[in-house]
Amino acid sequence: MSEWLVLALAMVVVCAVVLVVQVLQQRRIGDDDDPSETPDVIEYMTMMIGVVYAIVLGLAIAGVWEARSAAQDHVRNEAQALHEVHERVRVYPAEVRTRIRADVDTYVHHVVTTEWHAMRTQGALTDRGTALFDRIRHDVTDYAPRNDFEAQAYQPLLDQVTAADDARNARADSIGATMPGVVWFGLIVGGLVTIGMIFVLQIRRTPRELILAGLFSALFAFLLFLIWDFDAPYSRGVAATAEPFLMLFPGAG
């Protein structure tokens, strides 16, 4: 089932529950009840709870979005570093140059076609990808420059391999969820409390008030889904992609 279909169903269910509870509560209270009798302190508390929860939601969304952007940056940095290795070995002898470029292409192809799927389904990098990257490292580090021109290119190549390794490790570290369980507990309980305050305000069964109560609840469901979707940068709907690899290595796909 599509994640967006799940979101739509969740929003509909939340709206339905809130509206049904509100209608049943109104029948129990009776039409002669006066909502203006709600104490001012309750209205003030409701407003403050809503404001505080909105701030918490905003911070959570900003946090998971930043983590998602950082995950995409790790992919971009790794792809760019490997591209530099692929291009800078042109100063090396043909045999060495061909071997390094072939190993880089093999590694990128594995990342795009196999490792990315493993990241989405298993939440981890592959041992094959690690072995292929180690082969690139050995290709670069084990070569002994034969002249000054090659010696000048040697250290920058090592730096690019190191940068690619750092980016790969960062990609591995950012695979999992970024929001701790206790934060999710606070977000869910806070949402239930905030929506529950609707009933304290004794909303009438007028179409306008019922629609606003439903939209208010659906908005919270959407924002929580958005946080959940961004929480795993590589494995859900709005996820980081392997596009940087495909742009720099068009034949990798």
Protein backbone atom coordinates (compact mmCIF):
# COMPACT_ATOMS: atom_id res chain seq x y z
CA MET A 1 0.00 0.00 0.00
CA SER A 2 1.30 3.45 -0.93
CA GLU A 3 2.49 5.65 1.92
CA TRP A 4 0.41 8.53 0.61
CA LEU A 5 -2.68 6.32 0.58
CA VAL A 6 -1.96 5.44 4.20
CA LEU A 7 -1.70 9.17 4.95
CA ALA A 8 -5.04 9.87 3.26
CA LEU A 9 -6.73 7.06 5.19
CA ALA A 10 -5.19 8.22 8.47
CA MET A 11 -6.40 11.79 7.92
CA VAL A 12 -9.90 10.57 7.08
CA VAL A 13 -9.99 8.31 10.13
CA VAL A 14 -8.78 11.07 12.46
CA CYS A 15 -11.38 13.48 11.09
CA ALA A 16 -14.13 10.89 11.40
CA VAL A 17 -13.22 10.01 14.99
CA VAL A 18 -13.08 13.65 16.07
CA LEU A 19 -16.38 14.50 14.40
CA VAL A 20 -18.20 11.43 15.75
CA VAL A 21 -16.96 12.02 19.28
CA GLN A 22 -17.91 15.68 19.04
CA VAL A 23 -21.42 14.89 17.81
CA LEU A 24 -21.97 12.24 20.50
CA GLN A 25 -20.67 14.59 23.16
CA GLN A 26 -22.99 17.33 21.98
CA ARG A 27 -26.00 15.00 22.16
CA ARG A 28 -25.04 14.04 25.68
CA ILE A 29 -24.64 17.64 26.77
CA GLY A 30 -27.86 18.85 25.21
CA ASP A 31 -28.74 21.75 22.97
CA ASP A 32 -29.51 24.05 25.92
CA ASP A 33 -25.88 24.07 27.09
CA ASP A 34 -24.16 27.44 26.86
CA PRO A 35 -20.55 27.20 25.56
CA SER A 36 -19.88 30.73 26.71
CA GLU A 37 -19.71 29.36 30.24
CA THR A 38 -16.29 27.83 29.52
CA PRO A 39 -13.87 29.36 32.05
CA ASP A 40 -11.36 31.81 30.64
CA VAL A 41 -8.51 29.85 32.20
CA ILE A 42 -9.42 26.79 30.09
CA GLU A 43 -9.38 28.86 26.92
CA TYR A 44 -6.01 30.29 27.91
CA MET A 45 -4.59 26.83 28.66
CA THR A 46 -5.92 25.51 25.36
CA MET A 47 -4.26 28.34 23.48
CA MET A 48 -0.93 27.82 25.26
CA ILE A 49 -0.98 24.06 24.70
CA GLY A 50 -1.63 24.62 21.00
CA VAL A 51 1.20 27.16 20.71
CA VAL A 52 3.71 24.99 22.57
CA TYR A 53 2.79 21.92 20.53
CA ALA A 54 3.04 23.90 17.28
CA ILE A 55 6.57 24.96 18.26
CA VAL A 56 7.52 21.36 19.05
CA LEU A 57 6.12 20.19 15.71
CA GLY A 58 8.04 22.91 13.89
CA LEU A 59 11.30 21.95 15.58
CA ALA A 60 10.72 18.27 14.81
CA ILE A 61 10.02 18.97 11.14
CA ALA A 62 13.08 21.21 10.90
CA GLY A 63 15.23 18.51 12.53
CA VAL A 64 14.19 15.66 10.25
CA TRP A 65 14.38 17.88 7.16
CA GLU A 66 17.92 18.90 8.09
CA ALA A 67 18.84 15.24 8.54
CA ARG A 68 17.35 14.41 5.14
CA SER A 69 19.28 17.27 3.50
CA ALA A 70 22.49 16.15 5.20
CA ALA A 71 21.93 12.60 3.92
CA GLN A 72 21.61 13.91 0.38
CA ASP A 73 24.79 15.93 0.86
CA HIS A 74 26.65 12.77 1.89
CA VAL A 75 25.61 11.12 -1.38
CA ARG A 76 26.61 14.17 -3.39
CA ASN A 77 30.01 14.43 -1.69
CA GLU A 78 30.75 10.75 -2.23
CA ALA A 79 29.76 10.88 -5.89
CA GLN A 80 31.80 14.04 -6.50
CA ALA A 81 34.90 12.61 -4.82
CA LEU A 82 34.71 9.41 -6.87
CA HIS A 83 34.21 11.47 -10.01
CA GLU A 84 37.38 13.41 -9.20
CA VAL A 85 39.27 10.13 -8.78
CA HIS A 86 37.86 8.90 -12.09
CA GLU A 87 39.04 12.02 -13.92
CA ARG A 88 42.35 12.77 -12.19
CA VAL A 89 43.88 9.38 -12.92
CA ARG A 90 44.23 10.49 -16.54
CA VAL A 91 47.87 11.38 -15.73
CA TYR A 92 48.61 7.76 -14.85
CA PRO A 93 49.71 5.09 -17.35
CA ALA A 94 46.93 3.62 -19.46
CA GLU A 95 46.91 0.28 -17.69
CA VAL A 96 46.65 1.82 -14.21
CA ARG A 97 44.17 4.44 -15.38
CA THR A 98 41.89 1.84 -16.95
CA ARG A 99 41.96 -0.38 -13.87
CA ILE A 100 41.10 2.42 -11.43
CA ARG A 101 38.33 3.77 -13.63
CA ALA A 102 36.87 0.30 -14.08
CA ASP A 103 36.86 -0.27 -10.32
CA VAL A 104 35.20 3.11 -9.71
CA ASP A 105 32.52 2.32 -12.31
CA THR A 106 31.94 -1.10 -10.77
CA TYR A 107 31.57 0.39 -7.30
CA VAL A 108 29.17 3.10 -8.45
CA HIS A 109 27.09 0.57 -10.38
CA HIS A 110 26.86 -1.60 -7.26
CA VAL A 111 25.81 1.36 -5.10
CA VAL A 112 23.09 2.46 -7.50
CA THR A 113 21.65 -0.94 -8.37
CA THR A 114 22.23 -3.08 -5.28
CA GLU A 115 23.41 -1.18 -2.22
CA TRP A 116 20.70 1.47 -2.47
CA HIS A 117 18.05 -1.24 -2.36
CA ALA A 118 19.76 -2.78 0.67
CA MET A 119 19.74 0.59 2.40
CA ARG A 120 15.99 0.93 1.84
CA THR A 121 15.03 -2.61 2.81
CA GLN A 122 17.70 -3.74 5.28
CA GLY A 123 18.91 -0.43 6.69
CA ALA A 124 22.60 -1.14 6.10
CA LEU A 125 25.37 -0.99 3.53
CA THR A 126 26.52 -4.15 1.78
CA ASP A 127 29.76 -6.02 2.40
CA ARG A 128 30.23 -6.16 -1.36
CA GLY A 129 30.16 -2.38 -1.55
CA THR A 130 32.78 -2.13 1.19
CA ALA A 131 35.01 -4.62 -0.64
CA LEU A 132 34.67 -2.72 -3.91
CA PHE A 133 35.55 0.56 -2.23
CA ASP A 134 38.59 -1.02 -0.58
CA ARG A 135 39.71 -2.12 -4.02
CA ILE A 136 39.60 1.50 -5.21
CA ARG A 137 41.60 2.57 -2.18
CA HIS A 138 44.24 -0.09 -2.82
CA ASP A 139 44.44 0.83 -6.49
CA VAL A 140 45.24 4.42 -5.61
CA THR A 141 47.46 3.94 -2.58
CA ASP A 142 49.51 1.03 -3.92
CA TYR A 143 50.60 2.79 -7.08
CA ALA A 144 54.11 4.28 -6.96
CA PRO A 145 54.40 7.47 -9.05
CA ARG A 146 57.06 7.20 -11.74
CA ASN A 147 57.77 10.91 -12.26
CA ASP A 148 57.12 14.32 -10.72
CA PHE A 149 53.94 14.85 -12.72
CA GLU A 150 52.38 11.69 -11.36
CA ALA A 151 53.70 12.46 -7.88
CA GLN A 152 51.88 15.80 -7.91
CA ALA A 153 48.60 14.02 -8.68
CA TYR A 154 49.11 11.26 -6.11
CA GLN A 155 48.28 13.16 -2.91
CA PRO A 156 45.15 14.86 -4.32
CA LEU A 157 43.92 11.44 -5.41
CA LEU A 158 44.45 10.12 -1.88
CA ASP A 159 42.53 13.11 -0.52
CA GLN A 160 39.59 12.38 -2.83
CA VAL A 161 39.54 8.72 -1.80
CA THR A 162 39.54 9.81 1.85
CA ALA A 163 36.69 12.23 1.15
CA ALA A 164 34.70 9.47 -0.55
CA ASP A 165 35.34 7.15 2.39
CA ASP A 166 34.17 9.80 4.88
CA ALA A 167 31.03 10.41 2.83
CA ARG A 168 30.33 6.67 2.60
CA ASN A 169 30.68 6.31 6.38
CA ALA A 170 28.41 9.31 6.90
CA ARG A 171 25.88 7.73 4.52
CA ALA A 172 25.97 4.57 6.62
CA ASP A 173 25.46 6.53 9.85
CA SER A 174 22.43 8.40 8.49
CA ILE A 175 20.50 5.36 7.24
CA GLY A 176 18.47 4.83 10.38
CA ALA A 177 15.79 6.94 12.01
CA THR A 178 16.89 10.25 13.50
CA MET A 179 14.02 10.82 15.99
CA PRO A 180 14.36 9.03 19.36
CA GLY A 181 11.40 7.03 20.60
CA VAL A 182 10.82 9.37 23.54
CA VAL A 183 10.36 12.26 21.09
CA TRP A 184 7.76 10.27 19.17
CA PHE A 185 5.98 9.56 22.45
CA GLY A 186 5.87 13.28 23.19
CA LEU A 187 4.64 14.16 19.71
CA ILE A 188 1.83 11.60 19.75
CA VAL A 189 0.70 12.32 23.31
CA GLY A 190 0.94 16.05 22.67
CA GLY A 191 -1.21 15.70 19.58
CA LEU A 192 -3.85 13.71 21.46
CA VAL A 193 -3.91 16.27 24.26
CA THR A 194 -4.14 19.19 21.84
CA ILE A 195 -6.96 17.60 19.86
CA GLY A 196 -8.66 16.58 23.11
CA MET A 197 -8.83 20.22 24.15
CA ILE A 198 -11.31 20.71 21.30
CA PHE A 199 -13.90 18.86 23.35
CA VAL A 200 -13.21 20.95 26.44
CA LEU A 201 -14.20 24.07 24.51
CA GLN A 202 -17.71 22.67 23.98
CA ILE A 203 -17.81 23.19 20.21
CA ARG A 204 -21.31 23.23 18.79
CA ARG A 205 -22.52 20.95 15.98
CA THR A 206 -22.61 23.74 13.40
CA PRO A 207 -21.07 22.76 10.03
CA ARG A 208 -18.44 25.47 10.31
CA GLU A 209 -17.20 24.38 13.72
CA LEU A 210 -17.24 20.68 12.83
CA ILE A 211 -15.30 21.30 9.61
CA LEU A 212 -12.70 23.36 11.47
CA ALA A 213 -12.33 20.66 14.13
CA GLY A 214 -11.85 18.00 11.42
CA LEU A 215 -9.32 20.08 9.49
CA PHE A 216 -7.45 20.86 12.70
CA SER A 217 -7.13 17.15 13.47
CA ALA A 218 -6.23 16.23 9.87
CA LEU A 219 -3.46 18.85 9.90
CA PHE A 220 -1.86 17.20 12.93
CA ALA A 221 -2.10 13.79 11.26
CA PHE A 222 -0.41 15.18 8.14
CA LEU A 223 2.42 16.87 10.09
CA LEU A 224 3.13 13.72 12.11
CA PHE A 225 3.19 11.70 8.89
CA LEU A 226 5.58 14.24 7.38
CA ILE A 227 7.95 13.88 10.32
CA TRP A 228 7.75 10.09 10.08
CA ASP A 229 8.42 10.18 6.33
CA PHE A 230 11.50 12.41 6.68
CA ASP A 231 12.75 10.46 9.70
CA ALA A 232 14.39 7.74 7.55
CA PRO A 233 16.35 9.73 4.94
CA TYR A 234 16.92 6.86 2.48
CA SER A 235 13.95 4.53 2.79
CA ARG A 236 10.65 6.40 2.62
CA GLY A 237 8.64 8.56 0.25
CA VAL A 238 10.50 11.90 0.27
CA ALA A 239 13.93 10.28 0.57
CA ALA A 240 17.46 11.10 -0.50
CA THR A 241 18.23 9.65 -3.92
CA ALA A 242 21.18 8.28 -5.85
CA GLU A 243 20.76 11.01 -8.46
CA PRO A 244 24.26 12.51 -7.87
CA PHE A 245 25.83 9.17 -8.85
CA LEU A 246 23.65 8.93 -11.96
CA MET A 247 24.48 12.49 -13.00
CA LEU A 248 28.25 12.04 -12.72
CA PHE A 249 28.27 8.43 -13.91
CA PRO A 250 25.50 8.20 -16.53
CA GLY A 251 26.21 4.55 -17.31
CA ALA A 252 25.90 3.39 -13.70
CA GLY A 253 22.15 2.81 -13.74
